[in-house]
Amino acid sequence: MKDKAIQLFDDHGLEAVLDFLKEAQPKTDAANAFDDVLRHAYWKKNDIESTVALAQAGISFSAEEAKSSNTEDKEKFLTTVMRISYNLASFVWPGWDEEWLGTISETYLSLGYEAAKSNLHHDCN
């Protein structure tokens, strides 16, 4: 699923991969693929807008799926929420001083701060 999702992103863009992942089965693999594609968007494409959009969609998707899942899958989805939250917080932190990134917007800094808090919240429960 990871390779197909990344290929969709590269060939057809953000909306195509979001549509694919929201409908993909199994849902636990789809949740993980959100993280795979957002890391690809950040590290390979240097695309912060897509990175943030994928992170937000992946967090929302995984949290929603966790609500209606059995215990084992619920844990997998919540772990994915934590991982994506961590990555989002890290990717918008200006301290890395990534040249291609330029100045991080206040909106992205705020999203990163909230993602970091969410990561800590899920890690403690």
PDB file of N, CA and C in Angstrom:
ATOM      1  N   MET A   1       0.823  -1.197   0.000  1.00  0.00           N
ATOM      2  CA  MET A   1       0.000   0.000   0.000  1.00  0.00           C
ATOM      3  C   MET A   1       0.866   1.259   0.000  1.00  0.00           C
ATOM      4  N   LYS A   2       1.955   1.214   0.743  1.00  0.00           N
ATOM      5  CA  LYS A   2       2.847   2.369   0.830  1.00  0.00           C
ATOM      6  C   LYS A   2       3.310   2.809  -0.554  1.00  0.00           C
ATOM      7  N   ASP A   3       3.815   1.872  -1.344  1.00  0.00           N
ATOM      8  CA  ASP A   3       4.351   2.212  -2.658  1.00  0.00           C
ATOM      9  C   ASP A   3       3.274   2.762  -3.581  1.00  0.00           C
ATOM     10  N   LYS A   4       2.093   2.152  -3.544  1.00  0.00           N
ATOM     11  CA  LYS A   4       1.003   2.634  -4.387  1.00  0.00           C
ATOM     12  C   LYS A   4       0.589   4.046  -3.978  1.00  0.00           C
ATOM     13  N   ALA A   5       0.513   4.285  -2.677  1.00  0.00           N
ATOM     14  CA  ALA A   5       0.117   5.606  -2.178  1.00  0.00           C
ATOM     15  C   ALA A   5       1.141   6.668  -2.576  1.00  0.00           C
ATOM     16  N   ILE A   6       2.411   6.355  -2.447  1.00  0.00           N
ATOM     17  CA  ILE A   6       3.457   7.312  -2.821  1.00  0.00           C
ATOM     18  C   ILE A   6       3.415   7.572  -4.322  1.00  0.00           C
ATOM     19  N   GLN A   7       3.208   6.526  -5.110  1.00  0.00           N
ATOM     20  CA  GLN A   7       3.124   6.690  -6.559  1.00  0.00           C
ATOM     21  C   GLN A   7       1.928   7.562  -6.946  1.00  0.00           C
ATOM     22  N   LEU A   8       0.792   7.338  -6.279  1.00  0.00           N
ATOM     23  CA  LEU A   8      -0.383   8.178  -6.527  1.00  0.00           C
ATOM     24  C   LEU A   8      -0.093   9.638  -6.206  1.00  0.00           C
ATOM     25  N   PHE A   9       0.556   9.872  -5.087  1.00  0.00           N
ATOM     26  CA  PHE A   9       0.916  11.232  -4.696  1.00  0.00           C
ATOM     27  C   PHE A   9       1.823  11.868  -5.748  1.00  0.00           C
ATOM     28  N   ASP A  10       2.854  11.134  -6.161  1.00  0.00           N
ATOM     29  CA  ASP A  10       3.800  11.670  -7.134  1.00  0.00           C
ATOM     30  C   ASP A  10       3.143  11.935  -8.490  1.00  0.00           C
ATOM     31  N   ASP A  11       2.268  11.027  -8.927  1.00  0.00           N
ATOM     32  CA  ASP A  11       1.685  11.125 -10.267  1.00  0.00           C
ATOM     33  C   ASP A  11       0.432  11.992 -10.345  1.00  0.00           C
ATOM     34  N   HIS A  12      -0.366  11.978  -9.259  1.00  0.00           N
ATOM     35  CA  HIS A  12      -1.678  12.628  -9.337  1.00  0.00           C
ATOM     36  C   HIS A  12      -1.946  13.642  -8.231  1.00  0.00           C
ATOM     37  N   GLY A  13      -1.051  13.753  -7.267  1.00  0.00           N
ATOM     38  CA  GLY A  13      -1.176  14.791  -6.265  1.00  0.00           C
ATOM     39  C   GLY A  13      -1.871  14.402  -4.972  1.00  0.00           C
ATOM     40  N   LEU A  14      -2.005  15.390  -4.148  1.00  0.00           N
ATOM     41  CA  LEU A  14      -2.513  15.237  -2.786  1.00  0.00           C
ATOM     42  C   LEU A  14      -3.931  14.663  -2.742  1.00  0.00           C
ATOM     43  N   GLU A  15      -4.847  15.246  -3.480  1.00  0.00           N
ATOM     44  CA  GLU A  15      -6.249  14.798  -3.411  1.00  0.00           C
ATOM     45  C   GLU A  15      -6.404  13.334  -3.801  1.00  0.00           C
ATOM     46  N   ALA A  16      -5.657  12.901  -4.806  1.00  0.00           N
ATOM     47  CA  ALA A  16      -5.752  11.510  -5.255  1.00  0.00           C
ATOM     48  C   ALA A  16      -5.309  10.548  -4.159  1.00  0.00           C
ATOM     49  N   VAL A  17      -4.223  10.868  -3.496  1.00  0.00           N
ATOM     50  CA  VAL A  17      -3.740   9.960  -2.451  1.00  0.00           C
ATOM     51  C   VAL A  17      -4.653  10.005  -1.225  1.00  0.00           C
ATOM     52  N   LEU A  18      -5.206  11.171  -0.909  1.00  0.00           N
ATOM     53  CA  LEU A  18      -6.138  11.252   0.221  1.00  0.00           C
ATOM     54  C   LEU A  18      -7.386  10.411  -0.054  1.00  0.00           C
ATOM     55  N   ASP A  19      -7.923  10.514  -1.256  1.00  0.00           N
ATOM     56  CA  ASP A  19      -9.099   9.708  -1.618  1.00  0.00           C
ATOM     57  C   ASP A  19      -8.789   8.219  -1.537  1.00  0.00           C
ATOM     58  N   PHE A  20      -7.639   7.835  -2.052  1.00  0.00           N
ATOM     59  CA  PHE A  20      -7.232   6.426  -2.021  1.00  0.00           C
ATOM     60  C   PHE A  20      -7.110   5.902  -0.585  1.00  0.00           C
ATOM     61  N   LEU A  21      -6.404   6.627   0.256  1.00  0.00           N
ATOM     62  CA  LEU A  21      -6.147   6.147   1.620  1.00  0.00           C
ATOM     63  C   LEU A  21      -7.420   6.104   2.465  1.00  0.00           C
ATOM     64  N   LYS A  22      -8.327   7.023   2.250  1.00  0.00           N
ATOM     65  CA  LYS A  22      -9.570   7.032   3.030  1.00  0.00           C
ATOM     66  C   LYS A  22     -10.427   5.808   2.739  1.00  0.00           C
ATOM     67  N   GLU A  23     -10.262   5.211   1.554  1.00  0.00           N
ATOM     68  CA  GLU A  23     -11.067   4.048   1.158  1.00  0.00           C
ATOM     69  C   GLU A  23     -10.298   2.731   1.202  1.00  0.00           C
ATOM     70  N   ALA A  24      -8.994   2.786   1.411  1.00  0.00           N
ATOM     71  CA  ALA A  24      -8.144   1.596   1.338  1.00  0.00           C
ATOM     72  C   ALA A  24      -8.418   0.614   2.481  1.00  0.00           C
ATOM     73  N   GLN A  25      -8.162  -0.648   2.206  1.00  0.00           N
ATOM     74  CA  GLN A  25      -8.302  -1.719   3.196  1.00  0.00           C
ATOM     75  C   GLN A  25      -6.986  -2.489   3.246  1.00  0.00           C
ATOM     76  N   PRO A  26      -6.580  -3.032   4.371  1.00  0.00           N
ATOM     77  CA  PRO A  26      -7.166  -2.814   5.688  1.00  0.00           C
ATOM     78  C   PRO A  26      -6.875  -1.400   6.205  1.00  0.00           C
ATOM     79  N   LYS A  27      -7.755  -0.937   7.026  1.00  0.00           N
ATOM     80  CA  LYS A  27      -7.679   0.442   7.528  1.00  0.00           C
ATOM     81  C   LYS A  27      -6.395   0.698   8.324  1.00  0.00           C
ATOM     82  N   THR A  28      -5.901  -0.319   9.024  1.00  0.00           N
ATOM     83  CA  THR A  28      -4.660  -0.125   9.785  1.00  0.00           C
ATOM     84  C   THR A  28      -3.485   0.140   8.843  1.00  0.00           C
ATOM     85  N   ASP A  29      -3.462  -0.530   7.694  1.00  0.00           N
ATOM     86  CA  ASP A  29      -2.408  -0.282   6.714  1.00  0.00           C
ATOM     87  C   ASP A  29      -2.565   1.105   6.098  1.00  0.00           C
ATOM     88  N   ALA A  30      -3.798   1.507   5.854  1.00  0.00           N
ATOM     89  CA  ALA A  30      -4.049   2.843   5.310  1.00  0.00           C
ATOM     90  C   ALA A  30      -3.542   3.909   6.280  1.00  0.00           C
ATOM     91  N   ALA A  31      -3.797   3.715   7.558  1.00  0.00           N
ATOM     92  CA  ALA A  31      -3.336   4.678   8.566  1.00  0.00           C
ATOM     93  C   ALA A  31      -1.811   4.814   8.518  1.00  0.00           C
ATOM     94  N   ASN A  32      -1.134   3.689   8.448  1.00  0.00           N
ATOM     95  CA  ASN A  32       0.332   3.735   8.360  1.00  0.00           C
ATOM     96  C   ASN A  32       0.804   4.399   7.083  1.00  0.00           C
ATOM     97  N   ALA A  33       0.074   4.201   5.997  1.00  0.00           N
ATOM     98  CA  ALA A  33       0.467   4.780   4.713  1.00  0.00           C
ATOM     99  C   ALA A  33       0.371   6.305   4.730  1.00  0.00           C
ATOM    100  N   PHE A  34      -0.567   6.860   5.511  1.00  0.00           N
ATOM    101  CA  PHE A  34      -0.601   8.318   5.650  1.00  0.00           C
ATOM    102  C   PHE A  34       0.767   8.813   6.129  1.00  0.00           C
ATOM    103  N   ASP A  35       1.320   8.142   7.117  1.00  0.00           N
ATOM    104  CA  ASP A  35       2.623   8.550   7.646  1.00  0.00           C
ATOM    105  C   ASP A  35       3.724   8.348   6.611  1.00  0.00           C
ATOM    106  N   ASP A  36       3.682   7.243   5.888  1.00  0.00           N
ATOM    107  CA  ASP A  36       4.687   6.995   4.847  1.00  0.00           C
ATOM    108  C   ASP A  36       4.682   8.098   3.793  1.00  0.00           C
ATOM    109  N   VAL A  37       3.498   8.470   3.331  1.00  0.00           N
ATOM    110  CA  VAL A  37       3.397   9.476   2.277  1.00  0.00           C
ATOM    111  C   VAL A  37       3.775  10.858   2.801  1.00  0.00           C
ATOM    112  N   LEU A  38       3.394  11.188   4.018  1.00  0.00           N
ATOM    113  CA  LEU A  38       3.754  12.516   4.535  1.00  0.00           C
ATOM    114  C   LEU A  38       5.261  12.636   4.716  1.00  0.00           C
ATOM    115  N   ARG A  39       5.925  11.555   5.112  1.00  0.00           N
ATOM    116  CA  ARG A  39       7.388  11.603   5.220  1.00  0.00           C
ATOM    117  C   ARG A  39       8.027  11.732   3.833  1.00  0.00           C
ATOM    118  N   HIS A  40       7.442  11.082   2.848  1.00  0.00           N
ATOM    119  CA  HIS A  40       7.901  11.221   1.462  1.00  0.00           C
ATOM    120  C   HIS A  40       7.717  12.672   0.989  1.00  0.00           C
ATOM    121  N   ALA A  41       6.551  13.242   1.283  1.00  0.00           N
ATOM    122  CA  ALA A  41       6.274  14.623   0.879  1.00  0.00           C
ATOM    123  C   ALA A  41       7.290  15.584   1.503  1.00  0.00           C
ATOM    124  N   TYR A  42       7.654  15.337   2.748  1.00  0.00           N
ATOM    125  CA  TYR A  42       8.597  16.219   3.440  1.00  0.00           C
ATOM    126  C   TYR A  42      10.030  16.009   2.946  1.00  0.00           C
ATOM    127  N   TRP A  43      10.519  14.778   3.032  1.00  0.00           N
ATOM    128  CA  TRP A  43      11.925  14.496   2.779  1.00  0.00           C
ATOM    129  C   TRP A  43      12.286  14.439   1.299  1.00  0.00           C
ATOM    130  N   LYS A  44      11.417  13.889   0.479  1.00  0.00           N
ATOM    131  CA  LYS A  44      11.747  13.725  -0.943  1.00  0.00           C
ATOM    132  C   LYS A  44      11.241  14.866  -1.820  1.00  0.00           C
ATOM    133  N   LYS A  45      10.093  15.425  -1.470  1.00  0.00           N
ATOM    134  CA  LYS A  45       9.481  16.461  -2.295  1.00  0.00           C
ATOM    135  C   LYS A  45       9.641  17.870  -1.722  1.00  0.00           C
ATOM    136  N   ASN A  46      10.074  17.962  -0.466  1.00  0.00           N
ATOM    137  CA  ASN A  46      10.199  19.265   0.194  1.00  0.00           C
ATOM    138  C   ASN A  46       8.913  20.068   0.073  1.00  0.00           C
ATOM    139  N   ASP A  47       7.802  19.414   0.364  1.00  0.00           N
ATOM    140  CA  ASP A  47       6.469  19.994   0.185  1.00  0.00           C
ATOM    141  C   ASP A  47       5.776  20.077   1.549  1.00  0.00           C
ATOM    142  N   ILE A  48       5.957  21.195   2.220  1.00  0.00           N
ATOM    143  CA  ILE A  48       5.421  21.340   3.571  1.00  0.00           C
ATOM    144  C   ILE A  48       3.898  21.404   3.580  1.00  0.00           C
ATOM    145  N   GLU A  49       3.293  22.005   2.559  1.00  0.00           N
ATOM    146  CA  GLU A  49       1.832  22.094   2.535  1.00  0.00           C
ATOM    147  C   GLU A  49       1.202  20.703   2.462  1.00  0.00           C
ATOM    148  N   SER A  50       1.712  19.850   1.582  1.00  0.00           N
ATOM    149  CA  SER A  50       1.189  18.480   1.487  1.00  0.00           C
ATOM    150  C   SER A  50       1.522  17.680   2.736  1.00  0.00           C
ATOM    151  N   THR A  51       2.692  17.910   3.287  1.00  0.00           N
ATOM    152  CA  THR A  51       3.081  17.211   4.521  1.00  0.00           C
ATOM    153  C   THR A  51       2.072  17.493   5.628  1.00  0.00           C
ATOM    154  N   VAL A  52       1.747  18.753   5.813  1.00  0.00           N
ATOM    155  CA  VAL A  52       0.805  19.140   6.866  1.00  0.00           C
ATOM    156  C   VAL A  52      -0.592  18.598   6.571  1.00  0.00           C
ATOM    157  N   ALA A  53      -1.028  18.702   5.330  1.00  0.00           N
ATOM    158  CA  ALA A  53      -2.361  18.195   4.970  1.00  0.00           C
ATOM    159  C   ALA A  53      -2.455  16.686   5.179  1.00  0.00           C
ATOM    160  N   LEU A  54      -1.421  15.955   4.800  1.00  0.00           N
ATOM    161  CA  LEU A  54      -1.408  14.496   5.009  1.00  0.00           C
ATOM    162  C   LEU A  54      -1.388  14.155   6.491  1.00  0.00           C
ATOM    163  N   ALA A  55      -0.630  14.911   7.259  1.00  0.00           N
ATOM    164  CA  ALA A  55      -0.572  14.667   8.699  1.00  0.00           C
ATOM    165  C   ALA A  55      -1.938  14.898   9.342  1.00  0.00           C
ATOM    166  N   GLN A  56      -2.562  16.011   9.009  1.00  0.00           N
ATOM    167  CA  GLN A  56      -3.882  16.295   9.581  1.00  0.00           C
ATOM    168  C   GLN A  56      -4.892  15.222   9.184  1.00  0.00           C
ATOM    169  N   ALA A  57      -4.887  14.831   7.923  1.00  0.00           N
ATOM    170  CA  ALA A  57      -5.818  13.797   7.457  1.00  0.00           C
ATOM    171  C   ALA A  57      -5.522  12.459   8.118  1.00  0.00           C
ATOM    172  N   GLY A  58      -4.240  12.120   8.255  1.00  0.00           N
ATOM    173  CA  GLY A  58      -3.862  10.853   8.876  1.00  0.00           C
ATOM    174  C   GLY A  58      -4.216  10.783  10.349  1.00  0.00           C
ATOM    175  N   ILE A  59      -4.031  11.887  11.050  1.00  0.00           N
ATOM    176  CA  ILE A  59      -4.400  11.943  12.470  1.00  0.00           C
ATOM    177  C   ILE A  59      -5.911  11.794  12.612  1.00  0.00           C
ATOM    178  N   SER A  60      -6.646  12.542  11.827  1.00  0.00           N
ATOM    179  CA  SER A  60      -8.109  12.486  11.878  1.00  0.00           C
ATOM    180  C   SER A  60      -8.613  11.081  11.522  1.00  0.00           C
ATOM    181  N   PHE A  61      -8.097  10.521  10.440  1.00  0.00           N
ATOM    182  CA  PHE A  61      -8.491   9.187   9.995  1.00  0.00           C
ATOM    183  C   PHE A  61      -8.222   8.146  11.089  1.00  0.00           C
ATOM    184  N   SER A  62      -7.027   8.153  11.631  1.00  0.00           N
ATOM    185  CA  SER A  62      -6.630   7.153  12.626  1.00  0.00           C
ATOM    186  C   SER A  62      -7.413   7.296  13.926  1.00  0.00           C
ATOM    187  N   ALA A  63      -7.623   8.528  14.361  1.00  0.00           N
ATOM    188  CA  ALA A  63      -8.389   8.756  15.589  1.00  0.00           C
ATOM    189  C   ALA A  63      -9.834   8.305  15.413  1.00  0.00           C
ATOM    190  N   GLU A  64     -10.410   8.589  14.255  1.00  0.00           N
ATOM    191  CA  GLU A  64     -11.796   8.186  13.967  1.00  0.00           C
ATOM    192  C   GLU A  64     -11.914   6.661  13.916  1.00  0.00           C
ATOM    193  N   GLU A  65     -10.979   6.019  13.260  1.00  0.00           N
ATOM    194  CA  GLU A  65     -10.999   4.555  13.162  1.00  0.00           C
ATOM    195  C   GLU A  65     -10.804   3.905  14.539  1.00  0.00           C
ATOM    196  N   ALA A  66     -10.007   4.525  15.390  1.00  0.00           N
ATOM    197  CA  ALA A  66      -9.768   3.986  16.732  1.00  0.00           C
ATOM    198  C   ALA A  66     -11.061   3.906  17.541  1.00  0.00           C
ATOM    199  N   LYS A  67     -11.955   4.859  17.315  1.00  0.00           N
ATOM    200  CA  LYS A  67     -13.203   4.920  18.080  1.00  0.00           C
ATOM    201  C   LYS A  67     -14.076   3.687  17.867  1.00  0.00           C
ATOM    202  N   SER A  68     -14.016   3.114  16.680  1.00  0.00           N
ATOM    203  CA  SER A  68     -14.915   1.989  16.369  1.00  0.00           C
ATOM    204  C   SER A  68     -14.174   0.668  16.187  1.00  0.00           C
ATOM    205  N   SER A  69     -12.958   0.582  16.703  1.00  0.00           N
ATOM    206  CA  SER A  69     -12.138  -0.611  16.483  1.00  0.00           C
ATOM    207  C   SER A  69     -12.067  -1.492  17.714  1.00  0.00           C
ATOM    208  N   ASN A  70     -11.714  -2.766  17.470  1.00  0.00           N
ATOM    209  CA  ASN A  70     -11.460  -3.684  18.581  1.00  0.00           C
ATOM    210  C   ASN A  70     -10.198  -3.242  19.312  1.00  0.00           C
ATOM    211  N   THR A  71      -9.916  -3.839  20.418  1.00  0.00           N
ATOM    212  CA  THR A  71      -8.817  -3.405  21.279  1.00  0.00           C
ATOM    213  C   THR A  71      -7.475  -3.414  20.556  1.00  0.00           C
ATOM    214  N   GLU A  72      -7.176  -4.485  19.823  1.00  0.00           N
ATOM    215  CA  GLU A  72      -5.882  -4.584  19.142  1.00  0.00           C
ATOM    216  C   GLU A  72      -5.740  -3.505  18.064  1.00  0.00           C
ATOM    217  N   ASP A  73      -6.757  -3.354  17.232  1.00  0.00           N
ATOM    218  CA  ASP A  73      -6.692  -2.336  16.184  1.00  0.00           C
ATOM    219  C   ASP A  73      -6.732  -0.927  16.770  1.00  0.00           C
ATOM    220  N   LYS A  74      -7.490  -0.749  17.835  1.00  0.00           N
ATOM    221  CA  LYS A  74      -7.549   0.568  18.474  1.00  0.00           C
ATOM    222  C   LYS A  74      -6.143   1.006  18.893  1.00  0.00           C
ATOM    223  N   GLU A  75      -5.394   0.096  19.475  1.00  0.00           N
ATOM    224  CA  GLU A  75      -4.027   0.403  19.896  1.00  0.00           C
ATOM    225  C   GLU A  75      -3.154   0.769  18.685  1.00  0.00           C
ATOM    226  N   LYS A  76      -3.326   0.047  17.586  1.00  0.00           N
ATOM    227  CA  LYS A  76      -2.561   0.351  16.368  1.00  0.00           C
ATOM    228  C   LYS A  76      -2.894   1.752  15.849  1.00  0.00           C
ATOM    229  N   PHE A  77      -4.180   2.074  15.811  1.00  0.00           N
ATOM    230  CA  PHE A  77      -4.576   3.400  15.331  1.00  0.00           C
ATOM    231  C   PHE A  77      -4.057   4.504  16.243  1.00  0.00           C
ATOM    232  N   LEU A  78      -4.136   4.310  17.542  1.00  0.00           N
ATOM    233  CA  LEU A  78      -3.656   5.341  18.474  1.00  0.00           C
ATOM    234  C   LEU A  78      -2.141   5.495  18.398  1.00  0.00           C
ATOM    235  N   THR A  79      -1.442   4.403  18.150  1.00  0.00           N
ATOM    236  CA  THR A  79       0.003   4.482  17.952  1.00  0.00           C
ATOM    237  C   THR A  79       0.312   5.289  16.695  1.00  0.00           C
ATOM    238  N   THR A  80      -0.484   5.098  15.663  1.00  0.00           N
ATOM    239  CA  THR A  80      -0.299   5.868  14.433  1.00  0.00           C
ATOM    240  C   THR A  80      -0.589   7.348  14.681  1.00  0.00           C
ATOM    241  N   VAL A  81      -1.619   7.650  15.453  1.00  0.00           N
ATOM    242  CA  VAL A  81      -1.898   9.046  15.817  1.00  0.00           C
ATOM    243  C   VAL A  81      -0.672   9.655  16.499  1.00  0.00           C
ATOM    244  N   MET A  82      -0.091   8.925  17.426  1.00  0.00           N
ATOM    245  CA  MET A  82       1.094   9.424  18.132  1.00  0.00           C
ATOM    246  C   MET A  82       2.256   9.657  17.165  1.00  0.00           C
ATOM    247  N   ARG A  83       2.505   8.687  16.295  1.00  0.00           N
ATOM    248  CA  ARG A  83       3.635   8.782  15.370  1.00  0.00           C
ATOM    249  C   ARG A  83       3.465   9.961  14.400  1.00  0.00           C
ATOM    250  N   ILE A  84       2.276  10.096  13.835  1.00  0.00           N
ATOM    251  CA  ILE A  84       2.036  11.201  12.900  1.00  0.00           C
ATOM    252  C   ILE A  84       2.095  12.542  13.628  1.00  0.00           C
ATOM    253  N   SER A  85       1.560  12.600  14.840  1.00  0.00           N
ATOM    254  CA  SER A  85       1.621  13.839  15.627  1.00  0.00           C
ATOM    255  C   SER A  85       3.068  14.226  15.895  1.00  0.00           C
ATOM    256  N   TYR A  86       3.874  13.249  16.260  1.00  0.00           N
ATOM    257  CA  TYR A  86       5.294  13.494  16.497  1.00  0.00           C
ATOM    258  C   TYR A  86       5.957  14.031  15.231  1.00  0.00           C
ATOM    259  N   ASN A  87       5.696  13.365  14.102  1.00  0.00           N
ATOM    260  CA  ASN A  87       6.314  13.794  12.846  1.00  0.00           C
ATOM    261  C   ASN A  87       5.868  15.195  12.451  1.00  0.00           C
ATOM    262  N   LEU A  88       4.583  15.477  12.582  1.00  0.00           N
ATOM    263  CA  LEU A  88       4.095  16.810  12.252  1.00  0.00           C
ATOM    264  C   LEU A  88       4.781  17.861  13.125  1.00  0.00           C
ATOM    265  N   ALA A  89       4.826  17.618  14.418  1.00  0.00           N
ATOM    266  CA  ALA A  89       5.470  18.573  15.330  1.00  0.00           C
ATOM    267  C   ALA A  89       6.935  18.786  14.953  1.00  0.00           C
ATOM    268  N   SER A  90       7.607  17.711  14.627  1.00  0.00           N
ATOM    269  CA  SER A  90       9.013  17.798  14.258  1.00  0.00           C
ATOM    270  C   SER A  90       9.216  18.547  12.941  1.00  0.00           C
ATOM    271  N   PHE A  91       8.377  18.251  11.958  1.00  0.00           N
ATOM    272  CA  PHE A  91       8.570  18.813  10.629  1.00  0.00           C
ATOM    273  C   PHE A  91       8.299  20.317  10.553  1.00  0.00           C
ATOM    274  N   VAL A  92       7.504  20.847  11.444  1.00  0.00           N
ATOM    275  CA  VAL A  92       7.247  22.292  11.416  1.00  0.00           C
ATOM    276  C   VAL A  92       8.030  23.049  12.490  1.00  0.00           C
ATOM    277  N   TRP A  93       8.904  22.357  13.192  1.00  0.00           N
ATOM    278  CA  TRP A  93       9.747  23.020  14.185  1.00  0.00           C
ATOM    279  C   TRP A  93      10.860  23.774  13.457  1.00  0.00           C
ATOM    280  N   PRO A  94      10.984  25.070  13.697  1.00  0.00           N
ATOM    281  CA  PRO A  94      11.973  25.866  12.963  1.00  0.00           C
ATOM    282  C   PRO A  94      13.422  25.598  13.380  1.00  0.00           C
ATOM    283  N   GLY A  95      13.624  24.915  14.465  1.00  0.00           N
ATOM    284  CA  GLY A  95      14.980  24.675  14.963  1.00  0.00           C
ATOM    285  C   GLY A  95      15.836  23.805  14.065  1.00  0.00           C
ATOM    286  N   TRP A  96      15.218  23.053  13.152  1.00  0.00           N
ATOM    287  CA  TRP A  96      16.009  22.207  12.239  1.00  0.00           C
ATOM    288  C   TRP A  96      16.708  23.053  11.180  1.00  0.00           C
ATOM    289  N   ASP A  97      16.172  24.251  10.948  1.00  0.00           N
ATOM    290  CA  ASP A  97      16.786  25.193  10.015  1.00  0.00           C
ATOM    291  C   ASP A  97      16.972  24.593   8.614  1.00  0.00           C
ATOM    292  N   GLU A  98      15.937  23.910   8.132  1.00  0.00           N
ATOM    293  CA  GLU A  98      15.965  23.360   6.776  1.00  0.00           C
ATOM    294  C   GLU A  98      15.898  24.519   5.789  1.00  0.00           C
ATOM    295  N   GLU A  99      16.896  24.659   4.939  1.00  0.00           N
ATOM    296  CA  GLU A  99      16.955  25.785   4.000  1.00  0.00           C
ATOM    297  C   GLU A  99      15.729  25.865   3.107  1.00  0.00           C
ATOM    298  N   TRP A 100      15.292  24.732   2.587  1.00  0.00           N
ATOM    299  CA  TRP A 100      14.178  24.729   1.639  1.00  0.00           C
ATOM    300  C   TRP A 100      12.874  25.168   2.281  1.00  0.00           C
ATOM    301  N   LEU A 101      12.792  25.069   3.595  1.00  0.00           N
ATOM    302  CA  LEU A 101      11.549  25.347   4.293  1.00  0.00           C
ATOM    303  C   LEU A 101      11.271  26.840   4.458  1.00  0.00           C
ATOM    304  N   GLY A 102      12.323  27.621   4.577  1.00  0.00           N
ATOM    305  CA  GLY A 102      12.117  29.060   4.791  1.00  0.00           C
ATOM    306  C   GLY A 102      11.507  29.322   6.154  1.00  0.00           C
ATOM    307  N   THR A 103      10.737  30.364   6.253  1.00  0.00           N
ATOM    308  CA  THR A 103      10.081  30.728   7.507  1.00  0.00           C
ATOM    309  C   THR A 103       8.809  29.902   7.678  1.00  0.00           C
ATOM    310  N   ILE A 104       8.663  29.301   8.834  1.00  0.00           N
ATOM    311  CA  ILE A 104       7.478  28.502   9.141  1.00  0.00           C
ATOM    312  C   ILE A 104       6.354  29.459   9.535  1.00  0.00           C
ATOM    313  N   SER A 105       5.189  29.271   8.934  1.00  0.00           N
ATOM    314  CA  SER A 105       4.063  30.158   9.240  1.00  0.00           C
ATOM    315  C   SER A 105       3.577  29.958  10.673  1.00  0.00           C
ATOM    316  N   GLU A 106       2.944  30.989  11.203  1.00  0.00           N
ATOM    317  CA  GLU A 106       2.367  30.902  12.551  1.00  0.00           C
ATOM    318  C   GLU A 106       1.331  29.774  12.620  1.00  0.00           C
ATOM    319  N   THR A 107       0.588  29.589  11.548  1.00  0.00           N
ATOM    320  CA  THR A 107      -0.421  28.522  11.506  1.00  0.00           C
ATOM    321  C   THR A 107       0.247  27.162  11.664  1.00  0.00           C
ATOM    322  N   TYR A 108       1.331  26.935  10.932  1.00  0.00           N
ATOM    323  CA  TYR A 108       2.019  25.650  11.023  1.00  0.00           C
ATOM    324  C   TYR A 108       2.708  25.478  12.379  1.00  0.00           C
ATOM    325  N   LEU A 109       3.244  26.562  12.916  1.00  0.00           N
ATOM    326  CA  LEU A 109       3.848  26.475  14.254  1.00  0.00           C
ATOM    327  C   LEU A 109       2.794  26.083  15.290  1.00  0.00           C
ATOM    328  N   SER A 110       1.621  26.664  15.170  1.00  0.00           N
ATOM    329  CA  SER A 110       0.525  26.349  16.088  1.00  0.00           C
ATOM    330  C   SER A 110       0.080  24.892  15.927  1.00  0.00           C
ATOM    331  N   LEU A 111      -0.048  24.442  14.681  1.00  0.00           N
ATOM    332  CA  LEU A 111      -0.411  23.040  14.439  1.00  0.00           C
ATOM    333  C   LEU A 111       0.640  22.096  15.012  1.00  0.00           C
ATOM    334  N   GLY A 112       1.903  22.452  14.851  1.00  0.00           N
ATOM    335  CA  GLY A 112       2.988  21.638  15.397  1.00  0.00           C
ATOM    336  C   GLY A 112       2.949  21.570  16.916  1.00  0.00           C
ATOM    337  N   TYR A 113       2.668  22.700  17.533  1.00  0.00           N
ATOM    338  CA  TYR A 113       2.558  22.747  18.995  1.00  0.00           C
ATOM    339  C   TYR A 113       1.411  21.858  19.482  1.00  0.00           C
ATOM    340  N   GLU A 114       0.263  21.949  18.815  1.00  0.00           N
ATOM    341  CA  GLU A 114      -0.886  21.118  19.185  1.00  0.00           C
ATOM    342  C   GLU A 114      -0.585  19.636  18.948  1.00  0.00           C
ATOM    343  N   ALA A 115       0.123  19.335  17.865  1.00  0.00           N
ATOM    344  CA  ALA A 115       0.492  17.942  17.576  1.00  0.00           C
ATOM    345  C   ALA A 115       1.431  17.400  18.654  1.00  0.00           C
ATOM    346  N   ALA A 116       2.363  18.224  19.106  1.00  0.00           N
ATOM    347  CA  ALA A 116       3.281  17.796  20.164  1.00  0.00           C
ATOM    348  C   ALA A 116       2.518  17.511  21.461  1.00  0.00           C
ATOM    349  N   LYS A 117       1.578  18.391  21.787  1.00  0.00           N
ATOM    350  CA  LYS A 117       0.764  18.166  22.991  1.00  0.00           C
ATOM    351  C   LYS A 117      -0.065  16.895  22.845  1.00  0.00           C
ATOM    352  N   SER A 118      -0.633  16.664  21.671  1.00  0.00           N
ATOM    353  CA  SER A 118      -1.414  15.463  21.424  1.00  0.00           C
ATOM    354  C   SER A 118      -0.557  14.221  21.577  1.00  0.00           C
ATOM    355  N   ASN A 119       0.644  14.277  21.054  1.00  0.00           N
ATOM    356  CA  ASN A 119       1.569  13.142  21.161  1.00  0.00           C
ATOM    357  C   ASN A 119       1.833  12.821  22.620  1.00  0.00           C
ATOM    358  N   LEU A 120       2.083  13.825  23.402  1.00  0.00           N
ATOM    359  CA  LEU A 120       2.339  13.608  24.837  1.00  0.00           C
ATOM    360  C   LEU A 120       1.100  13.056  25.533  1.00  0.00           C
ATOM    361  N   HIS A 121      -0.061  13.564  25.171  1.00  0.00           N
ATOM    362  CA  HIS A 121      -1.320  13.098  25.779  1.00  0.00           C
ATOM    363  C   HIS A 121      -1.518  11.600  25.510  1.00  0.00           C
ATOM    364  N   HIS A 122      -1.364  11.187  24.261  1.00  0.00           N
ATOM    365  CA  HIS A 122      -1.567   9.784  23.905  1.00  0.00           C
ATOM    366  C   HIS A 122      -0.486   8.899  24.502  1.00  0.00           C
ATOM    367  N   ASP A 123       0.716   9.430  24.652  1.00  0.00           N
ATOM    368  CA  ASP A 123       1.804   8.661  25.209  1.00  0.00           C
ATOM    369  C   ASP A 123       1.604   8.383  26.695  1.00  0.00           C
ATOM    370  N   CYS A 124       0.879   9.242  27.365  1.00  0.00           N
ATOM    371  CA  CYS A 124       0.677   9.095  28.813  1.00  0.00           C
ATOM    372  C   CYS A 124      -0.533   8.240  29.141  1.00  0.00           C
ATOM    373  N   ASN A 125      -1.365   7.931  28.179  1.00  0.00           N
ATOM    374  CA  ASN A 125      -2.588   7.166  28.455  1.00  0.00           C
ATOM    375  C   ASN A 125      -2.483   5.741  27.987  1.00  0.00           C
TER     376      ASN A 125
END
